[in-house]
Structures are given as C-alpha cells and as structure tokens.
PDB file of all heavy atoms in Angstrom:
ATOM      1  N   GLY A   1       2.774   6.423 -18.296  1.00  0.00           N
ATOM      2  CA  GLY A   1       4.026   5.771 -18.185  1.00  0.00           C
ATOM      3  C   GLY A   1       4.111   4.642 -19.063  1.00  0.00           C
ATOM      4  O   GLY A   1       3.092   3.998 -19.290  1.00  0.00           O
ATOM      5  N   LEU A   2       5.289   4.280 -19.568  1.00  0.00           N
ATOM      6  CA  LEU A   2       5.568   3.167 -20.348  1.00  0.00           C
ATOM      7  C   LEU A   2       6.777   2.506 -19.858  1.00  0.00           C
ATOM      8  O   LEU A   2       7.846   3.113 -19.927  1.00  0.00           O
ATOM      9  CB  LEU A   2       5.656   3.472 -21.857  1.00  0.00           C
ATOM     10  CG  LEU A   2       6.115   2.309 -22.747  1.00  0.00           C
ATOM     11  CD1 LEU A   2       5.077   1.190 -22.737  1.00  0.00           C
ATOM     12  CD2 LEU A   2       6.402   2.801 -24.215  1.00  0.00           C
ATOM     13  N   ASN A   3       6.681   1.289 -19.379  1.00  0.00           N
ATOM     14  CA  ASN A   3       7.868   0.595 -18.808  1.00  0.00           C
ATOM     15  C   ASN A   3       7.995  -0.842 -19.437  1.00  0.00           C
ATOM     16  O   ASN A   3       7.030  -1.457 -19.623  1.00  0.00           O
ATOM     17  CB  ASN A   3       7.821   0.517 -17.333  1.00  0.00           C
ATOM     18  CG  ASN A   3       7.721   1.929 -16.632  1.00  0.00           C
ATOM     19  OD1 ASN A   3       6.654   2.287 -16.412  1.00  0.00           O
ATOM     20  ND2 ASN A   3       8.938   2.511 -16.459  1.00  0.00           N
ATOM     21  N   ILE A   4       9.217  -1.229 -19.883  1.00  0.00           N
ATOM     22  CA  ILE A   4       9.506  -2.457 -20.451  1.00  0.00           C
ATOM     23  C   ILE A   4      10.098  -3.345 -19.354  1.00  0.00           C
ATOM     24  O   ILE A   4      11.045  -2.973 -18.688  1.00  0.00           O
ATOM     25  CB  ILE A   4      10.357  -2.416 -21.663  1.00  0.00           C
ATOM     26  CG1 ILE A   4       9.862  -1.366 -22.661  1.00  0.00           C
ATOM     27  CG2 ILE A   4      10.679  -3.763 -22.197  1.00  0.00           C
ATOM     28  CD1 ILE A   4       8.517  -1.756 -23.214  1.00  0.00           C
ATOM     29  N   SER A   5       9.576  -4.653 -19.166  1.00  0.00           N
ATOM     30  CA  SER A   5      10.002  -5.545 -18.199  1.00  0.00           C
ATOM     31  C   SER A   5      11.565  -5.825 -18.535  1.00  0.00           C
ATOM     32  O   SER A   5      11.984  -5.757 -19.743  1.00  0.00           O
ATOM     33  CB  SER A   5       9.228  -6.817 -18.165  1.00  0.00           C
ATOM     34  OG  SER A   5       9.283  -7.486 -19.451  1.00  0.00           O
ATOM     35  N   PRO A   6      12.269  -6.271 -17.497  1.00  0.00           N
ATOM     36  CA  PRO A   6      13.687  -6.547 -17.702  1.00  0.00           C
ATOM     37  C   PRO A   6      14.064  -7.614 -18.847  1.00  0.00           C
ATOM     38  O   PRO A   6      15.019  -7.502 -19.456  1.00  0.00           O
ATOM     39  CB  PRO A   6      14.123  -7.033 -16.262  1.00  0.00           C
ATOM     40  CG  PRO A   6      13.231  -6.425 -15.324  1.00  0.00           C
ATOM     41  CD  PRO A   6      11.916  -6.302 -16.078  1.00  0.00           C
ATOM     42  N   ASP A   7      13.105  -8.535 -18.940  1.00  0.00           N
ATOM     43  CA  ASP A   7      13.304  -9.545 -19.942  1.00  0.00           C
ATOM     44  C   ASP A   7      12.908  -9.017 -21.431  1.00  0.00           C
ATOM     45  O   ASP A   7      13.104  -9.759 -22.387  1.00  0.00           O
ATOM     46  CB  ASP A   7      12.526 -10.848 -19.596  1.00  0.00           C
ATOM     47  CG  ASP A   7      11.060 -10.731 -19.522  1.00  0.00           C
ATOM     48  OD1 ASP A   7      10.514  -9.650 -19.861  1.00  0.00           O
ATOM     49  OD2 ASP A   7      10.396 -11.636 -19.181  1.00  0.00           O
ATOM     50  N   GLY A   8      12.355  -7.843 -21.518  1.00  0.00           N
ATOM     51  CA  GLY A   8      11.958  -7.324 -22.814  1.00  0.00           C
ATOM     52  C   GLY A   8      10.720  -7.841 -23.314  1.00  0.00           C
ATOM     53  O   GLY A   8      10.397  -7.480 -24.469  1.00  0.00           O
ATOM     54  N   LYS A   9       9.970  -8.607 -22.526  1.00  0.00           N
ATOM     55  CA  LYS A   9       8.832  -9.261 -23.188  1.00  0.00           C
ATOM     56  C   LYS A   9       7.526  -8.609 -22.909  1.00  0.00           C
ATOM     57  O   LYS A   9       6.514  -8.784 -23.697  1.00  0.00           O
ATOM     58  CB  LYS A   9       8.682 -10.659 -22.613  1.00  0.00           C
ATOM     59  CG  LYS A   9       9.882 -11.641 -23.062  1.00  0.00           C
ATOM     60  CD  LYS A   9       9.697 -12.959 -22.405  1.00  0.00           C
ATOM     61  CE  LYS A   9      10.997 -13.843 -22.919  1.00  0.00           C
ATOM     62  NZ  LYS A   9      10.741 -15.243 -22.376  1.00  0.00           N
ATOM     63  N   ARG A  10       7.373  -7.748 -21.858  1.00  0.00           N
ATOM     64  CA  ARG A  10       6.121  -7.143 -21.586  1.00  0.00           C
ATOM     65  C   ARG A  10       6.407  -5.553 -21.416  1.00  0.00           C
ATOM     66  O   ARG A  10       7.354  -5.183 -21.022  1.00  0.00           O
ATOM     67  CB  ARG A  10       5.633  -7.679 -20.257  1.00  0.00           C
ATOM     68  CG  ARG A  10       5.124  -9.047 -20.407  1.00  0.00           C
ATOM     69  CD  ARG A  10       4.626  -9.570 -19.010  1.00  0.00           C
ATOM     70  NE  ARG A  10       5.862 -10.036 -18.346  1.00  0.00           N
ATOM     71  CZ  ARG A  10       5.849 -11.028 -17.513  1.00  0.00           C
ATOM     72  NH1 ARG A  10       4.749 -11.742 -17.351  1.00  0.00           N
ATOM     73  NH2 ARG A  10       6.933 -11.427 -16.951  1.00  0.00           N
ATOM     74  N   ALA A  11       5.332  -4.843 -21.815  1.00  0.00           N
ATOM     75  CA  ALA A  11       5.358  -3.471 -21.648  1.00  0.00           C
ATOM     76  C   ALA A  11       4.215  -3.129 -20.649  1.00  0.00           C
ATOM     77  O   ALA A  11       3.040  -3.727 -20.876  1.00  0.00           O
ATOM     78  CB  ALA A  11       5.035  -2.627 -22.979  1.00  0.00           C
ATOM     79  N   VAL A  12       4.341  -2.389 -19.643  1.00  0.00           N
ATOM     80  CA  VAL A  12       3.325  -2.035 -18.719  1.00  0.00           C
ATOM     81  C   VAL A  12       3.064  -0.528 -18.904  1.00  0.00           C
ATOM     82  O   VAL A  12       3.958   0.304 -18.941  1.00  0.00           O
ATOM     83  CB  VAL A  12       3.824  -2.192 -17.265  1.00  0.00           C
ATOM     84  CG1 VAL A  12       2.721  -1.707 -16.246  1.00  0.00           C
ATOM     85  CG2 VAL A  12       4.123  -3.728 -17.056  1.00  0.00           C
ATOM     86  N   VAL A  13       1.753  -0.242 -19.284  1.00  0.00           N
ATOM     87  CA  VAL A  13       1.288   1.072 -19.607  1.00  0.00           C
ATOM     88  C   VAL A  13       0.482   1.575 -18.479  1.00  0.00           C
ATOM     89  O   VAL A  13      -0.512   0.925 -18.107  1.00  0.00           O
ATOM     90  CB  VAL A  13       0.650   1.200 -20.954  1.00  0.00           C
ATOM     91  CG1 VAL A  13       0.183   2.578 -21.354  1.00  0.00           C
ATOM     92  CG2 VAL A  13       1.466   0.504 -22.060  1.00  0.00           C
ATOM     93  N   THR A  14       0.875   2.836 -17.939  1.00  0.00           N
ATOM     94  CA  THR A  14       0.032   3.423 -16.760  1.00  0.00           C
ATOM     95  C   THR A  14      -0.571   4.661 -17.330  1.00  0.00           C
ATOM     96  O   THR A  14      -0.131   5.170 -18.352  1.00  0.00           O
ATOM     97  CB  THR A  14       0.941   3.650 -15.550  1.00  0.00           C
ATOM     98  OG1 THR A  14       1.936   4.572 -15.997  1.00  0.00           O
ATOM     99  CG2 THR A  14       1.513   2.411 -14.968  1.00  0.00           C
ATOM    100  N   GLY A  15      -1.533   5.153 -16.696  1.00  0.00           N
ATOM    101  CA  GLY A  15      -2.201   6.485 -17.012  1.00  0.00           C
ATOM    102  C   GLY A  15      -2.563   7.101 -15.729  1.00  0.00           C
ATOM    103  O   GLY A  15      -3.540   6.615 -15.076  1.00  0.00           O
ATOM    104  N   TYR A  16      -2.036   8.236 -15.409  1.00  0.00           N
ATOM    105  CA  TYR A  16      -2.369   8.969 -14.235  1.00  0.00           C
ATOM    106  C   TYR A  16      -3.863   9.127 -13.931  1.00  0.00           C
ATOM    107  O   TYR A  16      -4.339   9.118 -12.848  1.00  0.00           O
ATOM    108  CB  TYR A  16      -1.579  10.282 -14.072  1.00  0.00           C
ATOM    109  CG  TYR A  16      -1.629  10.907 -12.764  1.00  0.00           C
ATOM    110  CD1 TYR A  16      -0.919  10.421 -11.677  1.00  0.00           C
ATOM    111  CD2 TYR A  16      -2.538  12.015 -12.538  1.00  0.00           C
ATOM    112  CE1 TYR A  16      -0.976  11.006 -10.383  1.00  0.00           C
ATOM    113  CE2 TYR A  16      -2.600  12.603 -11.252  1.00  0.00           C
ATOM    114  CZ  TYR A  16      -1.864  12.147 -10.265  1.00  0.00           C
ATOM    115  OH  TYR A  16      -1.859  12.620  -9.010  1.00  0.00           O
ATOM    116  N   ALA A  17      -4.539   9.389 -15.031  1.00  0.00           N
ATOM    117  CA  ALA A  17      -6.059   9.723 -14.934  1.00  0.00           C
ATOM    118  C   ALA A  17      -6.831   8.415 -14.760  1.00  0.00           C
ATOM    119  O   ALA A  17      -8.085   8.506 -14.808  1.00  0.00           O
ATOM    120  CB  ALA A  17      -6.470  10.509 -16.043  1.00  0.00           C
ATOM    121  N   SER A  18      -6.231   7.324 -14.675  1.00  0.00           N
ATOM    122  CA  SER A  18      -6.902   6.037 -14.692  1.00  0.00           C
ATOM    123  C   SER A  18      -6.697   5.313 -13.438  1.00  0.00           C
ATOM    124  O   SER A  18      -6.007   5.841 -12.537  1.00  0.00           O
ATOM    125  CB  SER A  18      -6.275   5.136 -15.737  1.00  0.00           C
ATOM    126  OG  SER A  18      -6.815   3.827 -15.830  1.00  0.00           O
ATOM    127  N   SER A  19      -7.222   4.182 -13.271  1.00  0.00           N
ATOM    128  CA  SER A  19      -6.944   3.251 -11.997  1.00  0.00           C
ATOM    129  C   SER A  19      -6.511   1.888 -12.446  1.00  0.00           C
ATOM    130  O   SER A  19      -6.485   1.048 -11.717  1.00  0.00           O
ATOM    131  CB  SER A  19      -8.286   3.046 -11.246  1.00  0.00           C
ATOM    132  OG  SER A  19      -8.658   4.324 -10.666  1.00  0.00           O
ATOM    133  N   TYR A  20      -6.082   1.898 -13.774  1.00  0.00           N
ATOM    134  CA  TYR A  20      -5.710   0.583 -14.351  1.00  0.00           C
ATOM    135  C   TYR A  20      -4.266   0.689 -14.960  1.00  0.00           C
ATOM    136  O   TYR A  20      -3.842   1.736 -15.254  1.00  0.00           O
ATOM    137  CB  TYR A  20      -6.630   0.212 -15.459  1.00  0.00           C
ATOM    138  CG  TYR A  20      -8.026  -0.157 -15.039  1.00  0.00           C
ATOM    139  CD1 TYR A  20      -8.995   0.810 -14.772  1.00  0.00           C
ATOM    140  CD2 TYR A  20      -8.404  -1.438 -14.713  1.00  0.00           C
ATOM    141  CE1 TYR A  20     -10.241   0.548 -14.292  1.00  0.00           C
ATOM    142  CE2 TYR A  20      -9.629  -1.785 -14.218  1.00  0.00           C
ATOM    143  CZ  TYR A  20     -10.549  -0.782 -14.040  1.00  0.00           C
ATOM    144  OH  TYR A  20     -11.815  -1.050 -13.626  1.00  0.00           O
ATOM    145  N   VAL A  21      -3.636  -0.486 -15.025  1.00  0.00           N
ATOM    146  CA  VAL A  21      -2.462  -0.675 -15.902  1.00  0.00           C
ATOM    147  C   VAL A  21      -2.885  -1.681 -16.953  1.00  0.00           C
ATOM    148  O   VAL A  21      -3.744  -2.551 -16.799  1.00  0.00           O
ATOM    149  CB  VAL A  21      -1.255  -1.104 -15.082  1.00  0.00           C
ATOM    150  CG1 VAL A  21      -0.796  -0.116 -14.114  1.00  0.00           C
ATOM    151  CG2 VAL A  21      -1.389  -2.435 -14.464  1.00  0.00           C
ATOM    152  N   ARG A  22      -2.193  -1.488 -18.070  1.00  0.00           N
ATOM    153  CA  ARG A  22      -2.370  -2.514 -19.134  1.00  0.00           C
ATOM    154  C   ARG A  22      -1.057  -3.113 -19.369  1.00  0.00           C
ATOM    155  O   ARG A  22      -0.020  -2.440 -19.435  1.00  0.00           O
ATOM    156  CB  ARG A  22      -2.882  -1.834 -20.402  1.00  0.00           C
ATOM    157  CG  ARG A  22      -4.261  -1.300 -20.259  1.00  0.00           C
ATOM    158  CD  ARG A  22      -4.579  -0.307 -21.434  1.00  0.00           C
ATOM    159  NE  ARG A  22      -5.508   0.706 -21.164  1.00  0.00           N
ATOM    160  CZ  ARG A  22      -5.431   1.743 -20.260  1.00  0.00           C
ATOM    161  NH1 ARG A  22      -4.365   1.861 -19.583  1.00  0.00           N
ATOM    162  NH2 ARG A  22      -6.333   2.650 -20.160  1.00  0.00           N
ATOM    163  N   VAL A  23      -1.034  -4.390 -19.604  1.00  0.00           N
ATOM    164  CA  VAL A  23       0.211  -5.298 -19.848  1.00  0.00           C
ATOM    165  C   VAL A  23       0.151  -5.704 -21.247  1.00  0.00           C
ATOM    166  O   VAL A  23      -0.843  -6.408 -21.588  1.00  0.00           O
ATOM    167  CB  VAL A  23       0.304  -6.315 -18.847  1.00  0.00           C
ATOM    168  CG1 VAL A  23       1.633  -7.115 -19.083  1.00  0.00           C
ATOM    169  CG2 VAL A  23       0.350  -5.894 -17.379  1.00  0.00           C
ATOM    170  N   PHE A  24       1.136  -5.432 -22.013  1.00  0.00           N
ATOM    171  CA  PHE A  24       1.163  -5.835 -23.426  1.00  0.00           C
ATOM    172  C   PHE A  24       2.345  -6.783 -23.715  1.00  0.00           C
ATOM    173  O   PHE A  24       3.359  -6.553 -23.220  1.00  0.00           O
ATOM    174  CB  PHE A  24       1.419  -4.608 -24.405  1.00  0.00           C
ATOM    175  CG  PHE A  24       0.111  -3.801 -24.414  1.00  0.00           C
ATOM    176  CD1 PHE A  24      -0.061  -2.704 -23.496  1.00  0.00           C
ATOM    177  CD2 PHE A  24      -0.814  -3.996 -25.401  1.00  0.00           C
ATOM    178  CE1 PHE A  24      -1.233  -1.957 -23.621  1.00  0.00           C
ATOM    179  CE2 PHE A  24      -1.984  -3.122 -25.466  1.00  0.00           C
ATOM    180  CZ  PHE A  24      -2.162  -2.134 -24.634  1.00  0.00           C
ATOM    181  N   ASP A  25       2.123  -7.687 -24.585  1.00  0.00           N
ATOM    182  CA  ASP A  25       3.213  -8.498 -25.157  1.00  0.00           C
ATOM    183  C   ASP A  25       4.016  -7.604 -26.155  1.00  0.00           C
ATOM    184  O   ASP A  25       3.386  -7.152 -27.089  1.00  0.00           O
ATOM    185  CB  ASP A  25       2.619  -9.771 -25.906  1.00  0.00           C
ATOM    186  CG  ASP A  25       3.745 -10.648 -26.463  1.00  0.00           C
ATOM    187  OD1 ASP A  25       4.400 -10.133 -27.483  1.00  0.00           O
ATOM    188  OD2 ASP A  25       3.960 -11.737 -25.982  1.00  0.00           O
ATOM    189  N   VAL A  26       5.228  -7.401 -25.947  1.00  0.00           N
ATOM    190  CA  VAL A  26       5.953  -6.476 -26.753  1.00  0.00           C
ATOM    191  C   VAL A  26       6.031  -7.029 -28.220  1.00  0.00           C
ATOM    192  O   VAL A  26       6.009  -6.192 -29.065  1.00  0.00           O
ATOM    193  CB  VAL A  26       7.397  -6.249 -26.172  1.00  0.00           C
ATOM    194  CG1 VAL A  26       8.331  -5.389 -27.137  1.00  0.00           C
ATOM    195  CG2 VAL A  26       7.370  -5.513 -24.855  1.00  0.00           C
ATOM    196  N   GLU A  27       6.287  -8.180 -28.386  1.00  0.00           N
ATOM    197  CA  GLU A  27       6.481  -8.817 -29.782  1.00  0.00           C
ATOM    198  C   GLU A  27       5.167  -8.635 -30.623  1.00  0.00           C
ATOM    199  O   GLU A  27       5.297  -8.390 -31.689  1.00  0.00           O
ATOM    200  CB  GLU A  27       6.977 -10.138 -29.687  1.00  0.00           C
ATOM    201  CG  GLU A  27       7.336 -10.768 -31.001  1.00  0.00           C
ATOM    202  CD  GLU A  27       7.875 -12.174 -30.886  1.00  0.00           C
ATOM    203  OE1 GLU A  27       8.743 -12.422 -30.034  1.00  0.00           O
ATOM    204  OE2 GLU A  27       7.463 -13.116 -31.745  1.00  0.00           O
ATOM    205  N   THR A  28       4.004  -9.071 -29.962  1.00  0.00           N
ATOM    206  CA  THR A  28       2.805  -9.043 -30.735  1.00  0.00           C
ATOM    207  C   THR A  28       1.966  -7.843 -30.655  1.00  0.00           C
ATOM    208  O   THR A  28       0.984  -7.658 -31.292  1.00  0.00           O
ATOM    209  CB  THR A  28       2.046 -10.294 -30.340  1.00  0.00           C
ATOM    210  OG1 THR A  28       1.592 -10.162 -28.955  1.00  0.00           O
ATOM    211  CG2 THR A  28       2.778 -11.573 -30.482  1.00  0.00           C
ATOM    212  N   LEU A  29       2.261  -6.981 -29.545  1.00  0.00           N
ATOM    213  CA  LEU A  29       1.481  -5.806 -29.223  1.00  0.00           C
ATOM    214  C   LEU A  29       0.116  -6.150 -28.682  1.00  0.00           C
ATOM    215  O   LEU A  29      -0.761  -5.361 -28.677  1.00  0.00           O
ATOM    216  CB  LEU A  29       1.509  -4.803 -30.312  1.00  0.00           C
ATOM    217  CG  LEU A  29       2.764  -4.324 -30.708  1.00  0.00           C
ATOM    218  CD1 LEU A  29       2.647  -3.295 -31.939  1.00  0.00           C
ATOM    219  CD2 LEU A  29       3.584  -3.701 -29.552  1.00  0.00           C
ATOM    220  N   ARG A  30      -0.130  -7.471 -28.420  1.00  0.00           N
ATOM    221  CA  ARG A  30      -1.409  -7.852 -27.821  1.00  0.00           C
ATOM    222  C   ARG A  30      -1.497  -7.567 -26.475  1.00  0.00           C
ATOM    223  O   ARG A  30      -0.520  -7.638 -25.693  1.00  0.00           O
ATOM    224  CB  ARG A  30      -1.580  -9.476 -27.978  1.00  0.00           C
ATOM    225  CG  ARG A  30      -2.928 -10.027 -27.670  1.00  0.00           C
ATOM    226  CD  ARG A  30      -2.922 -11.495 -27.926  1.00  0.00           C
ATOM    227  NE  ARG A  30      -1.985 -12.321 -27.189  1.00  0.00           N
ATOM    228  CZ  ARG A  30      -2.197 -12.895 -26.026  1.00  0.00           C
ATOM    229  NH1 ARG A  30      -3.334 -12.750 -25.467  1.00  0.00           N
ATOM    230  NH2 ARG A  30      -1.377 -13.525 -25.420  1.00  0.00           N
ATOM    231  N   MET A  31      -2.670  -7.082 -25.978  1.00  0.00           N
ATOM    232  CA  MET A  31      -2.862  -6.737 -24.548  1.00  0.00           C
ATOM    233  C   MET A  31      -3.118  -8.089 -23.892  1.00  0.00           C
ATOM    234  O   MET A  31      -3.873  -8.969 -24.154  1.00  0.00           O
ATOM    235  CB  MET A  31      -4.009  -5.745 -24.377  1.00  0.00           C
ATOM    236  CG  MET A  31      -4.169  -5.501 -22.841  1.00  0.00           C
ATOM    237  SD  MET A  31      -5.348  -4.057 -22.508  1.00  0.00           S
ATOM    238  CE  MET A  31      -6.829  -4.636 -23.102  1.00  0.00           C
ATOM    239  N   LEU A  32      -2.247  -8.274 -22.814  1.00  0.00           N
ATOM    240  CA  LEU A  32      -2.267  -9.536 -21.970  1.00  0.00           C
ATOM    241  C   LEU A  32      -3.233  -9.322 -20.742  1.00  0.00           C
ATOM    242  O   LEU A  32      -3.813 -10.272 -20.283  1.00  0.00           O
ATOM    243  CB  LEU A  32      -0.840  -9.896 -21.515  1.00  0.00           C
ATOM    244  CG  LEU A  32       0.114 -10.159 -22.605  1.00  0.00           C
ATOM    245  CD1 LEU A  32       1.531 -10.313 -21.967  1.00  0.00           C
ATOM    246  CD2 LEU A  32      -0.295 -11.340 -23.427  1.00  0.00           C
ATOM    247  N   ALA A  33      -3.230  -8.045 -20.199  1.00  0.00           N
ATOM    248  CA  ALA A  33      -4.069  -7.819 -18.941  1.00  0.00           C
ATOM    249  C   ALA A  33      -4.474  -6.410 -18.911  1.00  0.00           C
ATOM    250  O   ALA A  33      -3.669  -5.513 -19.397  1.00  0.00           O
ATOM    251  CB  ALA A  33      -3.242  -8.298 -17.848  1.00  0.00           C
ATOM    252  N   HIS A  34      -5.542  -6.203 -18.228  1.00  0.00           N
ATOM    253  CA  HIS A  34      -6.084  -4.957 -17.783  1.00  0.00           C
ATOM    254  C   HIS A  34      -6.267  -4.947 -16.323  1.00  0.00           C
ATOM    255  O   HIS A  34      -7.378  -5.575 -15.949  1.00  0.00           O
ATOM    256  CB  HIS A  34      -7.205  -4.561 -18.646  1.00  0.00           C
ATOM    257  CG  HIS A  34      -7.762  -3.197 -18.528  1.00  0.00           C
ATOM    258  ND1 HIS A  34      -8.980  -2.983 -17.933  1.00  0.00           N
ATOM    259  CD2 HIS A  34      -7.360  -2.028 -18.827  1.00  0.00           C
ATOM    260  CE1 HIS A  34      -9.317  -1.645 -17.992  1.00  0.00           C
ATOM    261  NE2 HIS A  34      -8.299  -1.095 -18.513  1.00  0.00           N
TER     262      HIS A  34
END
C-alpha cells in the first residue's frame, strides 16, 4: 500500500509480506522511519 498524509508531506508504504511500514518525505523521497 502507498498512502499520502493529508498534508501531502509524508508517504506511508506498507507491505503485506512485511511487519514494517516505511515513512518517506514526499518532497525529498528520503526515508524518515522504518
């Protein structure tokens, strides 16, 4: 899954085969959290 926060600043990426989400800064595409 790929969801963009309401403010448009973060992307949350999920993966059904995983136990983690990854949070990215939409502007820089830098991963903020795992």
